Amino acid sequence: MTTTTSRLLSLLSLLQTRRDWPGAVLAERLGISHRTVRRDVDRLRDMGYSIQATMGPDGGYRLDAGSELPPLLFDDDQVIALAVALRAATLSGAGIEEAAVRALTTVRQVMPSRLRHRLDALEFTTIAARPGDGVPDAVAPDVLVALSTAARAHEVLRFDYAGRSPDDEPVRRRVEPHHLVTSHGRWYLVAWDLERDDWRLFRADRITPRSPGGGRFRPRDVPGGDVTRFVAGRFKGSDETDRWPCVGKVVLGLPASEVLPFAGDGIVEDLGPDRCSLEVGSWSWVALAASLNRFDTDLVVVHPPELATAFGLLAARNAATAGA
């Protein structure tokens, strides 16, 4: 890609992000002169983009919507964004799954070879997000490509793993990467940790790949053979399967209609106008007992005894807190 073409892509990307751009700001962002900005704007106009001059102390530019679609230009980061958006759309449930696949195939066919290889290098598994997950953590596209490439090539990956606190020193890790996963608003690397001799989930936004990597390895099977179920299980505190390690059943003094909207993946059984049962799980017995208290009603533990014991522990803690 020539310097001029790269600069035009950057200019076009900036113009698409907001309605009006002062000429001086564009020049500063691109590291070029005002005169070069004017020449590049003229080049984009010649390519079919409708760019209007705006009034102001320094003058500026506005990218208007046109009646015809000019040639599509994507920089490297836009290619990654496009791949992520279209592949994630296959789990949107909005009836556009097939259209998303066809759109990605169409765009790929008209891309230059270099960008096509970059798009093909990014493979990941999408686990459907939960309501309220919010905006995903920011991860550099180059990091996503590096993690995906290592997983596809079955090459040992070396990286620095940042701590939870900015004051924590990064830890060097050496792993066999298995899958790149996006779930619940975050990117994760599923990998076999060679130092700890166990499966681990690493947050991609805390990974800084190191080079060179290691040698090739023979891929292992994730526990259970299904990466989606394995990751979902880890989120629930289970080592191998997509299920809660602690599951209990209670009878609540509320109608089923009032419990169902807040039952999550629990099972609600109607026991009459003012009673229902709820079978639900959590990562610990105390956490399960605490979550059931949110219904703010009388309840009876059906099973197991560990859940009743957890309620007793919570009661003692709460009594001590109230008396403090």
C-alpha atoms as a PDB file:
ATOM      1  CA  MET A   1       0.000   0.000   0.000  1.00  0.00           C
ATOM      2  CA  THR A   2       1.472   3.355  -1.019  1.00  0.00           C
ATOM      3  CA  THR A   3       1.840   6.260   1.370  1.00  0.00           C
ATOM      4  CA  THR A   4      -0.809   8.254  -0.495  1.00  0.00           C
ATOM      5  CA  THR A   5      -3.324   5.406  -0.447  1.00  0.00           C
ATOM      6  CA  SER A   6      -2.726   4.776   3.251  1.00  0.00           C
ATOM      7  CA  ARG A   7      -3.203   8.466   3.962  1.00  0.00           C
ATOM      8  CA  LEU A   8      -6.453   8.550   1.976  1.00  0.00           C
ATOM      9  CA  LEU A   9      -7.766   5.606   3.986  1.00  0.00           C
ATOM     10  CA  SER A  10      -6.928   7.391   7.233  1.00  0.00           C
ATOM     11  CA  LEU A  11      -8.554  10.612   6.026  1.00  0.00           C
ATOM     12  CA  LEU A  12     -11.692   8.783   4.928  1.00  0.00           C
ATOM     13  CA  SER A  13     -11.897   6.980   8.268  1.00  0.00           C
ATOM     14  CA  LEU A  14     -11.702  10.276  10.138  1.00  0.00           C
ATOM     15  CA  LEU A  15     -14.345  11.919   7.970  1.00  0.00           C
ATOM     16  CA  GLN A  16     -16.713   9.001   8.637  1.00  0.00           C
ATOM     17  CA  THR A  17     -16.477   9.322  12.425  1.00  0.00           C
ATOM     18  CA  ARG A  18     -18.042  12.780  12.797  1.00  0.00           C
ATOM     19  CA  ARG A  19     -20.019  15.276  10.761  1.00  0.00           C
ATOM     20  CA  ASP A  20     -17.597  18.224  10.582  1.00  0.00           C
ATOM     21  CA  TRP A  21     -13.798  18.278  10.721  1.00  0.00           C
ATOM     22  CA  PRO A  22     -11.802  21.549  10.869  1.00  0.00           C
ATOM     23  CA  GLY A  23      -8.999  21.457   8.307  1.00  0.00           C
ATOM     24  CA  ALA A  24      -6.378  22.246  10.955  1.00  0.00           C
ATOM     25  CA  VAL A  25      -7.480  19.283  13.090  1.00  0.00           C
ATOM     26  CA  LEU A  26      -7.330  16.907  10.124  1.00  0.00           C
ATOM     27  CA  ALA A  27      -3.841  18.126   9.250  1.00  0.00           C
ATOM     28  CA  GLU A  28      -2.677  17.606  12.828  1.00  0.00           C
ATOM     29  CA  ARG A  29      -4.230  14.138  13.152  1.00  0.00           C
ATOM     30  CA  LEU A  30      -2.691  12.966   9.870  1.00  0.00           C
ATOM     31  CA  GLY A  31       0.656  14.743  10.344  1.00  0.00           C
ATOM     32  CA  ILE A  32       0.438  16.567   7.024  1.00  0.00           C
ATOM     33  CA  SER A  33       0.064  20.152   5.801  1.00  0.00           C
ATOM     34  CA  HIS A  34      -3.219  21.976   5.133  1.00  0.00           C
ATOM     35  CA  ARG A  35      -2.348  21.957   1.450  1.00  0.00           C
ATOM     36  CA  THR A  36      -1.979  18.162   1.437  1.00  0.00           C
ATOM     37  CA  VAL A  37      -5.342  17.831   3.196  1.00  0.00           C
ATOM     38  CA  ARG A  38      -6.973  19.860   0.412  1.00  0.00           C
ATOM     39  CA  ARG A  39      -5.318  17.727  -2.288  1.00  0.00           C
ATOM     40  CA  ASP A  40      -6.386  14.489  -0.581  1.00  0.00           C
ATOM     41  CA  VAL A  41      -9.958  15.739  -0.232  1.00  0.00           C
ATOM     42  CA  ASP A  42      -9.976  16.448  -3.962  1.00  0.00           C
ATOM     43  CA  ARG A  43      -8.733  12.921  -4.648  1.00  0.00           C
ATOM     44  CA  LEU A  44     -11.574  11.454  -2.583  1.00  0.00           C
ATOM     45  CA  ARG A  45     -14.078  13.641  -4.438  1.00  0.00           C
ATOM     46  CA  ASP A  46     -12.707  12.297  -7.727  1.00  0.00           C
ATOM     47  CA  MET A  47     -13.351   8.771  -6.399  1.00  0.00           C
ATOM     48  CA  GLY A  48     -17.027   9.606  -5.847  1.00  0.00           C
ATOM     49  CA  TYR A  49     -17.162  10.669  -2.200  1.00  0.00           C
ATOM     50  CA  SER A  50     -19.333  13.717  -1.558  1.00  0.00           C
ATOM     51  CA  ILE A  51     -17.204  15.971   0.665  1.00  0.00           C
ATOM     52  CA  GLN A  52     -18.455  19.485   1.337  1.00  0.00           C
ATOM     53  CA  ALA A  53     -16.357  22.431   2.506  1.00  0.00           C
ATOM     54  CA  THR A  54     -17.603  23.998   5.748  1.00  0.00           C
ATOM     55  CA  MET A  55     -17.356  27.564   6.968  1.00  0.00           C
ATOM     56  CA  GLY A  56     -15.318  28.584   9.977  1.00  0.00           C
ATOM     57  CA  PRO A  57     -12.109  30.303  11.103  1.00  0.00           C
ATOM     58  CA  ASP A  58      -9.940  27.563   9.588  1.00  0.00           C
ATOM     59  CA  GLY A  59     -12.430  26.035   7.194  1.00  0.00           C
ATOM     60  CA  GLY A  60     -13.291  22.383   7.314  1.00  0.00           C
ATOM     61  CA  TYR A  61     -14.853  19.391   5.621  1.00  0.00           C
ATOM     62  CA  ARG A  62     -17.971  17.258   5.903  1.00  0.00           C
ATOM     63  CA  LEU A  63     -18.597  13.830   4.363  1.00  0.00           C
ATOM     64  CA  ASP A  64     -22.171  13.760   3.037  1.00  0.00           C
ATOM     65  CA  ALA A  65     -24.201  10.726   2.140  1.00  0.00           C
ATOM     66  CA  GLY A  66     -24.247  10.299  -1.628  1.00  0.00           C
ATOM     67  CA  SER A  67     -26.729   8.731  -4.007  1.00  0.00           C
ATOM     68  CA  GLU A  68     -24.135   6.274  -5.323  1.00  0.00           C
ATOM     69  CA  LEU A  69     -21.831   3.925  -3.426  1.00  0.00           C
ATOM     70  CA  PRO A  70     -18.162   4.795  -4.093  1.00  0.00           C
ATOM     71  CA  PRO A  71     -15.474   2.106  -4.016  1.00  0.00           C
ATOM     72  CA  LEU A  72     -15.215   0.537  -0.560  1.00  0.00           C
ATOM     73  CA  LEU A  73     -11.895   1.082   1.200  1.00  0.00           C
ATOM     74  CA  PHE A  74     -10.969  -0.642   4.450  1.00  0.00           C
ATOM     75  CA  ASP A  75      -7.903  -0.131   6.581  1.00  0.00           C
ATOM     76  CA  ASP A  76      -6.527  -3.050   8.629  1.00  0.00           C
ATOM     77  CA  ASP A  77      -8.468  -2.301  11.804  1.00  0.00           C
ATOM     78  CA  GLN A  78     -11.703  -1.926   9.847  1.00  0.00           C
ATOM     79  CA  VAL A  79     -11.197  -5.389   8.352  1.00  0.00           C
ATOM     80  CA  ILE A  80     -10.967  -6.879  11.850  1.00  0.00           C
ATOM     81  CA  ALA A  81     -14.015  -4.906  12.991  1.00  0.00           C
ATOM     82  CA  LEU A  82     -15.976  -6.134   9.973  1.00  0.00           C
ATOM     83  CA  ALA A  83     -15.030  -9.775  10.583  1.00  0.00           C
ATOM     84  CA  VAL A  84     -15.930  -9.574  14.261  1.00  0.00           C
ATOM     85  CA  ALA A  85     -19.294  -7.890  13.616  1.00  0.00           C
ATOM     86  CA  LEU A  86     -20.405 -10.228  10.820  1.00  0.00           C
ATOM     87  CA  ARG A  87     -19.278 -13.421  12.523  1.00  0.00           C
ATOM     88  CA  ALA A  88     -20.870 -12.399  15.815  1.00  0.00           C
ATOM     89  CA  ALA A  89     -24.107 -11.724  13.914  1.00  0.00           C
ATOM     90  CA  THR A  90     -24.500 -15.467  13.382  1.00  0.00           C
ATOM     91  CA  LEU A  91     -25.667 -15.688  17.013  1.00  0.00           C
ATOM     92  CA  SER A  92     -27.760 -12.528  17.029  1.00  0.00           C
ATOM     93  CA  GLY A  93     -31.076 -14.345  16.740  1.00  0.00           C
ATOM     94  CA  ALA A  94     -32.348 -11.529  14.527  1.00  0.00           C
ATOM     95  CA  GLY A  95     -32.850 -13.677  11.440  1.00  0.00           C
ATOM     96  CA  ILE A  96     -29.777 -12.254   9.654  1.00  0.00           C
ATOM     97  CA  GLU A  97     -27.394 -15.140  10.234  1.00  0.00           C
ATOM     98  CA  GLU A  98     -27.322 -16.367   6.618  1.00  0.00           C
ATOM     99  CA  ALA A  99     -27.150 -12.804   5.290  1.00  0.00           C
ATOM    100  CA  ALA A 100     -24.157 -12.082   7.555  1.00  0.00           C
ATOM    101  CA  VAL A 101     -22.287 -15.110   6.224  1.00  0.00           C
ATOM    102  CA  ARG A 102     -23.010 -14.099   2.623  1.00  0.00           C
ATOM    103  CA  ALA A 103     -21.968 -10.498   3.303  1.00  0.00           C
ATOM    104  CA  LEU A 104     -18.644 -11.583   4.776  1.00  0.00           C
ATOM    105  CA  THR A 105     -18.015 -13.871   1.794  1.00  0.00           C
ATOM    106  CA  THR A 106     -18.819 -11.088  -0.670  1.00  0.00           C
ATOM    107  CA  VAL A 107     -16.583  -8.531   1.012  1.00  0.00           C
ATOM    108  CA  ARG A 108     -13.747 -11.044   1.288  1.00  0.00           C
ATOM    109  CA  GLN A 109     -13.798 -11.715  -2.455  1.00  0.00           C
ATOM    110  CA  VAL A 110     -13.145  -8.070  -3.361  1.00  0.00           C
ATOM    111  CA  MET A 111     -10.412  -7.466  -0.798  1.00  0.00           C
ATOM    112  CA  PRO A 112      -6.729  -7.245  -1.708  1.00  0.00           C
ATOM    113  CA  SER A 113      -4.789 -10.395  -0.910  1.00  0.00           C
ATOM    114  CA  ARG A 114      -3.013  -8.867   2.090  1.00  0.00           C
ATOM    115  CA  LEU A 115      -6.254  -7.836   3.811  1.00  0.00           C
ATOM    116  CA  ARG A 116      -7.952 -11.104   2.870  1.00  0.00           C
ATOM    117  CA  HIS A 117      -5.185 -13.039   4.631  1.00  0.00           C
ATOM    118  CA  ARG A 118      -5.580 -10.804   7.670  1.00  0.00           C
ATOM    119  CA  LEU A 119      -9.314 -11.442   7.783  1.00  0.00           C
ATOM    120  CA  ASP A 120      -8.826 -15.203   7.348  1.00  0.00           C
ATOM    121  CA  ALA A 121      -6.307 -15.217  10.214  1.00  0.00           C
ATOM    122  CA  LEU A 122      -8.987 -14.184  12.700  1.00  0.00           C
ATOM    123  CA  GLU A 123     -11.033 -17.135  13.924  1.00  0.00           C
ATOM    124  CA  PHE A 124     -13.001 -17.087  17.151  1.00  0.00           C
ATOM    125  CA  THR A 125     -15.951 -18.639  18.931  1.00  0.00           C
ATOM    126  CA  THR A 126     -18.852 -16.445  20.030  1.00  0.00           C
ATOM    127  CA  ILE A 127     -20.786 -17.378  23.148  1.00  0.00           C
ATOM    128  CA  ALA A 128     -24.129 -15.598  23.308  1.00  0.00           C
ATOM    129  CA  ALA A 129     -24.004 -12.593  25.624  1.00  0.00           C
ATOM    130  CA  ARG A 130     -26.313 -12.061  28.563  1.00  0.00           C
ATOM    131  CA  PRO A 131     -28.546  -8.987  28.877  1.00  0.00           C
ATOM    132  CA  GLY A 132     -26.670  -6.077  30.398  1.00  0.00           C
ATOM    133  CA  ASP A 133     -23.197  -7.302  29.472  1.00  0.00           C
ATOM    134  CA  GLY A 134     -22.438  -3.861  28.026  1.00  0.00           C
ATOM    135  CA  VAL A 135     -19.584  -2.768  25.771  1.00  0.00           C
ATOM    136  CA  PRO A 136     -16.761  -5.310  25.241  1.00  0.00           C
ATOM    137  CA  ASP A 137     -13.282  -4.538  26.569  1.00  0.00           C
ATOM    138  CA  ALA A 138     -11.000  -2.887  24.039  1.00  0.00           C
ATOM    139  CA  VAL A 139      -8.419  -5.279  22.588  1.00  0.00           C
ATOM    140  CA  ALA A 140      -5.932  -4.255  19.895  1.00  0.00           C
ATOM    141  CA  PRO A 141      -6.779  -5.948  16.563  1.00  0.00           C
ATOM    142  CA  ASP A 142      -3.164  -7.067  16.189  1.00  0.00           C
ATOM    143  CA  VAL A 143      -3.441  -8.957  19.484  1.00  0.00           C
ATOM    144  CA  LEU A 144      -6.604 -10.760  18.349  1.00  0.00           C
ATOM    145  CA  VAL A 145      -4.944 -11.730  15.064  1.00  0.00           C
ATOM    146  CA  ALA A 146      -1.801 -12.931  16.868  1.00  0.00           C
ATOM    147  CA  LEU A 147      -3.787 -15.105  19.286  1.00  0.00           C
ATOM    148  CA  SER A 148      -5.981 -16.554  16.536  1.00  0.00           C
ATOM    149  CA  THR A 149      -3.008 -17.221  14.254  1.00  0.00           C
ATOM    150  CA  ALA A 150      -1.104 -19.083  16.985  1.00  0.00           C
ATOM    151  CA  ALA A 151      -4.174 -21.198  17.795  1.00  0.00           C
ATOM    152  CA  ARG A 152      -4.752 -22.086  14.126  1.00  0.00           C
ATOM    153  CA  ALA A 153      -1.074 -22.925  13.552  1.00  0.00           C
ATOM    154  CA  HIS A 154      -0.823 -24.953  16.798  1.00  0.00           C
ATOM    155  CA  GLU A 155       2.208 -22.930  17.874  1.00  0.00           C
ATOM    156  CA  VAL A 156       3.237 -22.346  21.473  1.00  0.00           C
ATOM    157  CA  LEU A 157       2.472 -18.760  22.474  1.00  0.00           C
ATOM    158  CA  ARG A 158       4.592 -16.622  24.792  1.00  0.00           C
ATOM    159  CA  PHE A 159       3.128 -13.471  26.306  1.00  0.00           C
ATOM    160  CA  ASP A 160       3.181 -11.035  29.198  1.00  0.00           C
ATOM    161  CA  TYR A 161       0.000 -11.200  31.256  1.00  0.00           C
ATOM    162  CA  ALA A 162      -0.908  -7.975  33.028  1.00  0.00           C
ATOM    163  CA  GLY A 163      -2.166  -8.075  36.597  1.00  0.00           C
ATOM    164  CA  ARG A 164      -5.594  -6.942  37.733  1.00  0.00           C
ATOM    165  CA  SER A 165      -4.109  -3.777  39.215  1.00  0.00           C
ATOM    166  CA  PRO A 166      -1.952  -1.273  37.276  1.00  0.00           C
ATOM    167  CA  ASP A 167       0.661  -1.660  40.032  1.00  0.00           C
ATOM    168  CA  ASP A 168       0.986  -5.420  39.470  1.00  0.00           C
ATOM    169  CA  GLU A 169       3.965  -6.590  37.451  1.00  0.00           C
ATOM    170  CA  PRO A 170       3.093  -8.553  34.268  1.00  0.00           C
ATOM    171  CA  VAL A 171       3.714 -12.285  34.474  1.00  0.00           C
ATOM    172  CA  ARG A 172       5.327 -14.178  31.610  1.00  0.00           C
ATOM    173  CA  ARG A 173       3.271 -17.137  30.431  1.00  0.00           C
ATOM    174  CA  ARG A 174       3.875 -19.933  27.940  1.00  0.00           C
ATOM    175  CA  VAL A 175       0.811 -21.748  26.644  1.00  0.00           C
ATOM    176  CA  GLU A 176      -0.632 -23.954  23.944  1.00  0.00           C
ATOM    177  CA  PRO A 177      -3.424 -21.747  22.522  1.00  0.00           C
ATOM    178  CA  HIS A 178      -6.623 -23.592  21.695  1.00  0.00           C
ATOM    179  CA  HIS A 179      -9.432 -21.100  20.980  1.00  0.00           C
ATOM    180  CA  LEU A 180     -10.106 -17.390  20.881  1.00  0.00           C
ATOM    181  CA  VAL A 181     -13.512 -16.733  22.461  1.00  0.00           C
ATOM    182  CA  THR A 182     -15.705 -13.678  22.874  1.00  0.00           C
ATOM    183  CA  SER A 183     -18.266 -13.880  25.650  1.00  0.00           C
ATOM    184  CA  HIS A 184     -20.092 -11.595  28.079  1.00  0.00           C
ATOM    185  CA  GLY A 185     -18.443  -8.460  26.717  1.00  0.00           C
ATOM    186  CA  ARG A 186     -14.867  -9.765  26.838  1.00  0.00           C
ATOM    187  CA  TRP A 187     -12.303 -11.616  24.727  1.00  0.00           C
ATOM    188  CA  TYR A 188     -10.654 -14.727  26.161  1.00  0.00           C
ATOM    189  CA  LEU A 189      -7.918 -17.122  25.091  1.00  0.00           C
ATOM    190  CA  VAL A 190      -8.585 -20.764  25.964  1.00  0.00           C
ATOM    191  CA  ALA A 191      -5.184 -22.389  26.391  1.00  0.00           C
ATOM    192  CA  TRP A 192      -3.220 -25.171  28.060  1.00  0.00           C
ATOM    193  CA  ASP A 193      -0.817 -23.527  30.521  1.00  0.00           C
ATOM    194  CA  LEU A 194       2.522 -25.319  30.176  1.00  0.00           C
ATOM    195  CA  GLU A 195       3.852 -24.123  33.557  1.00  0.00           C
ATOM    196  CA  ARG A 196       0.704 -24.990  35.531  1.00  0.00           C
ATOM    197  CA  ASP A 197      -0.124 -28.113  33.515  1.00  0.00           C
ATOM    198  CA  ASP A 198      -3.810 -27.211  33.319  1.00  0.00           C
ATOM    199  CA  TRP A 199      -6.436 -25.447  31.208  1.00  0.00           C
ATOM    200  CA  ARG A 200      -6.760 -21.709  31.710  1.00  0.00           C
ATOM    201  CA  LEU A 201      -8.869 -18.781  30.453  1.00  0.00           C
ATOM    202  CA  PHE A 202      -6.820 -15.635  29.793  1.00  0.00           C
ATOM    203  CA  ARG A 203      -8.389 -12.227  29.226  1.00  0.00           C
ATOM    204  CA  ALA A 204      -7.151 -10.976  25.854  1.00  0.00           C
ATOM    205  CA  ASP A 205      -7.088  -7.326  26.953  1.00  0.00           C
ATOM    206  CA  ARG A 206      -4.362  -8.251  29.475  1.00  0.00           C
ATOM    207  CA  ILE A 207      -2.201 -10.165  26.957  1.00  0.00           C
ATOM    208  CA  THR A 208       0.891  -8.713  25.268  1.00  0.00           C
ATOM    209  CA  PRO A 209       2.291 -11.338  22.848  1.00  0.00           C
ATOM    210  CA  ARG A 210       6.062 -11.885  22.803  1.00  0.00           C
ATOM    211  CA  SER A 211       8.168 -13.029  19.891  1.00  0.00           C
ATOM    212  CA  PRO A 212       9.434 -15.388  18.888  1.00  0.00           C
ATOM    213  CA  GLY A 213       6.872 -17.945  19.950  1.00  0.00           C
ATOM    214  CA  GLY A 214       7.602 -21.582  20.674  1.00  0.00           C
ATOM    215  CA  GLY A 215       7.482 -24.710  18.580  1.00  0.00           C
ATOM    216  CA  ARG A 216       4.474 -26.521  17.232  1.00  0.00           C
ATOM    217  CA  PHE A 217       2.380 -28.801  19.432  1.00  0.00           C
ATOM    218  CA  ARG A 218      -0.211 -31.532  19.029  1.00  0.00           C
ATOM    219  CA  PRO A 219      -3.583 -30.015  20.016  1.00  0.00           C
ATOM    220  CA  ARG A 220      -5.356 -31.380  23.071  1.00  0.00           C
ATOM    221  CA  ASP A 221      -9.120 -31.754  23.403  1.00  0.00           C
ATOM    222  CA  VAL A 222     -10.766 -29.357  25.826  1.00  0.00           C
ATOM    223  CA  PRO A 223     -12.564 -31.174  28.663  1.00  0.00           C
ATOM    224  CA  GLY A 224     -15.902 -32.380  27.340  1.00  0.00           C
ATOM    225  CA  GLY A 225     -14.811 -31.793  23.723  1.00  0.00           C
ATOM    226  CA  ASP A 226     -16.875 -28.594  23.279  1.00  0.00           C
ATOM    227  CA  VAL A 227     -15.155 -25.237  23.800  1.00  0.00           C
ATOM    228  CA  THR A 228     -18.460 -23.369  24.188  1.00  0.00           C
ATOM    229  CA  ARG A 229     -19.680 -25.638  26.972  1.00  0.00           C
ATOM    230  CA  PHE A 230     -16.250 -25.689  28.564  1.00  0.00           C
ATOM    231  CA  VAL A 231     -16.012 -21.877  28.753  1.00  0.00           C
ATOM    232  CA  ALA A 232     -19.610 -21.556  29.937  1.00  0.00           C
ATOM    233  CA  GLY A 233     -18.835 -24.104  32.643  1.00  0.00           C
ATOM    234  CA  ARG A 234     -15.755 -22.186  33.796  1.00  0.00           C
ATOM    235  CA  PHE A 235     -17.881 -19.064  34.156  1.00  0.00           C
ATOM    236  CA  LYS A 236     -20.127 -21.076  36.460  1.00  0.00           C
ATOM    237  CA  GLY A 237     -17.229 -22.388  38.529  1.00  0.00           C
ATOM    238  CA  SER A 238     -17.283 -25.876  37.010  1.00  0.00           C
ATOM    239  CA  ASP A 239     -14.091 -27.518  35.755  1.00  0.00           C
ATOM    240  CA  GLU A 240     -15.484 -29.483  32.835  1.00  0.00           C
ATOM    241  CA  THR A 241     -19.197 -29.092  32.105  1.00  0.00           C
ATOM    242  CA  ASP A 242     -21.692 -26.287  31.553  1.00  0.00           C
ATOM    243  CA  ARG A 243     -23.462 -26.637  34.893  1.00  0.00           C
ATOM    244  CA  TRP A 244     -23.352 -25.082  38.336  1.00  0.00           C
ATOM    245  CA  PRO A 245     -21.297 -26.999  40.920  1.00  0.00           C
ATOM    246  CA  CYS A 246     -23.931 -26.257  43.589  1.00  0.00           C
ATOM    247  CA  VAL A 247     -27.615 -26.849  42.749  1.00  0.00           C
ATOM    248  CA  GLY A 248     -30.445 -26.679  45.268  1.00  0.00           C
ATOM    249  CA  LYS A 249     -34.225 -26.588  45.422  1.00  0.00           C
ATOM    250  CA  VAL A 250     -36.464 -24.431  47.613  1.00  0.00           C
ATOM    251  CA  VAL A 251     -40.162 -23.631  47.993  1.00  0.00           C
ATOM    252  CA  LEU A 252     -40.917 -19.904  47.888  1.00  0.00           C
ATOM    253  CA  GLY A 253     -43.964 -18.117  49.269  1.00  0.00           C
ATOM    254  CA  LEU A 254     -44.576 -16.371  45.942  1.00  0.00           C
ATOM    255  CA  PRO A 255     -46.610 -17.225  42.820  1.00  0.00           C
ATOM    256  CA  ALA A 256     -44.613 -18.656  39.929  1.00  0.00           C
ATOM    257  CA  SER A 257     -45.425 -15.619  37.773  1.00  0.00           C
ATOM    258  CA  GLU A 258     -43.461 -13.376  40.154  1.00  0.00           C
ATOM    259  CA  VAL A 259     -40.438 -15.682  40.315  1.00  0.00           C
ATOM    260  CA  LEU A 260     -40.058 -16.628  36.644  1.00  0.00           C
ATOM    261  CA  PRO A 261     -38.713 -13.228  35.433  1.00  0.00           C
ATOM    262  CA  PHE A 262     -35.840 -13.474  37.928  1.00  0.00           C
ATOM    263  CA  ALA A 263     -35.124 -17.204  37.850  1.00  0.00           C
ATOM    264  CA  GLY A 264     -32.348 -17.058  35.244  1.00  0.00           C
ATOM    265  CA  ASP A 265     -31.551 -20.607  34.177  1.00  0.00           C
ATOM    266  CA  GLY A 266     -33.443 -22.039  37.150  1.00  0.00           C
ATOM    267  CA  ILE A 267     -36.514 -24.303  36.935  1.00  0.00           C
ATOM    268  CA  VAL A 268     -39.755 -22.920  38.391  1.00  0.00           C
ATOM    269  CA  GLU A 269     -42.728 -25.169  39.273  1.00  0.00           C
ATOM    270  CA  ASP A 270     -46.152 -23.728  40.053  1.00  0.00           C
ATOM    271  CA  LEU A 271     -47.475 -25.059  43.395  1.00  0.00           C
ATOM    272  CA  GLY A 272     -50.594 -22.924  43.662  1.00  0.00           C
ATOM    273  CA  PRO A 273     -51.653 -19.279  43.743  1.00  0.00           C
ATOM    274  CA  ASP A 274     -49.108 -18.271  46.415  1.00  0.00           C
ATOM    275  CA  ARG A 275     -46.361 -20.920  46.238  1.00  0.00           C
ATOM    276  CA  CYS A 276     -43.809 -22.258  43.775  1.00  0.00           C
ATOM    277  CA  SER A 277     -40.597 -24.253  43.814  1.00  0.00           C
ATOM    278  CA  LEU A 278     -37.315 -23.093  42.328  1.00  0.00           C
ATOM    279  CA  GLU A 279     -34.354 -25.313  41.437  1.00  0.00           C
ATOM    280  CA  VAL A 280     -31.313 -23.199  40.658  1.00  0.00           C
ATOM    281  CA  GLY A 281     -27.525 -23.245  40.884  1.00  0.00           C
ATOM    282  CA  SER A 282     -24.542 -21.121  41.793  1.00  0.00           C
ATOM    283  CA  TRP A 283     -20.770 -21.411  42.233  1.00  0.00           C
ATOM    284  CA  SER A 284     -21.013 -21.965  46.022  1.00  0.00           C
ATOM    285  CA  TRP A 285     -23.667 -22.859  48.583  1.00  0.00           C
ATOM    286  CA  VAL A 286     -23.355 -19.518  50.370  1.00  0.00           C
ATOM    287  CA  ALA A 287     -23.663 -17.641  47.071  1.00  0.00           C
ATOM    288  CA  LEU A 288     -26.764 -19.690  46.229  1.00  0.00           C
ATOM    289  CA  ALA A 289     -28.366 -18.971  49.602  1.00  0.00           C
ATOM    290  CA  ALA A 290     -27.595 -15.259  49.279  1.00  0.00           C
ATOM    291  CA  SER A 291     -29.107 -15.120  45.774  1.00  0.00           C
ATOM    292  CA  LEU A 292     -32.336 -16.769  46.972  1.00  0.00           C
ATOM    293  CA  ASN A 293     -32.752 -14.105  49.645  1.00  0.00           C
ATOM    294  CA  ARG A 294     -33.382 -11.552  46.893  1.00  0.00           C
ATOM    295  CA  PHE A 295     -36.951 -12.868  46.572  1.00  0.00           C
ATOM    296  CA  ASP A 296     -37.696 -11.347  50.010  1.00  0.00           C
ATOM    297  CA  THR A 297     -40.127 -14.040  51.110  1.00  0.00           C
ATOM    298  CA  ASP A 298     -40.359 -17.095  53.357  1.00  0.00           C
ATOM    299  CA  LEU A 299     -38.746 -20.192  51.888  1.00  0.00           C
ATOM    300  CA  VAL A 300     -38.197 -23.847  52.736  1.00  0.00           C
ATOM    301  CA  VAL A 301     -35.139 -25.822  51.629  1.00  0.00           C
ATOM    302  CA  VAL A 302     -36.129 -28.998  49.802  1.00  0.00           C
ATOM    303  CA  HIS A 303     -32.572 -30.209  49.131  1.00  0.00           C
ATOM    304  CA  PRO A 304     -29.668 -30.587  49.728  1.00  0.00           C
ATOM    305  CA  PRO A 305     -28.611 -30.226  53.403  1.00  0.00           C
ATOM    306  CA  GLU A 306     -25.602 -28.112  52.316  1.00  0.00           C
ATOM    307  CA  LEU A 307     -27.973 -25.348  51.224  1.00  0.00           C
ATOM    308  CA  ALA A 308     -29.711 -25.297  54.613  1.00  0.00           C
ATOM    309  CA  THR A 309     -26.290 -25.109  56.299  1.00  0.00           C
ATOM    310  CA  ALA A 310     -25.365 -22.158  54.058  1.00  0.00           C
ATOM    311  CA  PHE A 311     -28.508 -20.291  55.161  1.00  0.00           C
ATOM    312  CA  GLY A 312     -27.449 -20.846  58.785  1.00  0.00           C
ATOM    313  CA  LEU A 313     -23.994 -19.439  58.065  1.00  0.00           C
ATOM    314  CA  LEU A 314     -25.496 -16.385  56.372  1.00  0.00           C
ATOM    315  CA  ALA A 315     -27.875 -15.865  59.286  1.00  0.00           C
ATOM    316  CA  ALA A 316     -24.977 -15.861  61.759  1.00  0.00           C
ATOM    317  CA  ARG A 317     -22.986 -13.435  59.650  1.00  0.00           C
ATOM    318  CA  ASN A 318     -25.938 -11.105  59.159  1.00  0.00           C
ATOM    319  CA  ALA A 319     -26.721 -11.155  62.899  1.00  0.00           C
ATOM    320  CA  ALA A 320     -23.129 -10.232  63.683  1.00  0.00           C
ATOM    321  CA  THR A 321     -23.236  -7.442  61.114  1.00  0.00           C
ATOM    322  CA  ALA A 322     -26.528  -6.070  62.489  1.00  0.00           C
ATOM    323  CA  GLY A 323     -25.118  -6.034  66.023  1.00  0.00           C
ATOM    324  CA  ALA A 324     -21.828  -4.378  65.067  1.00  0.00           C
END
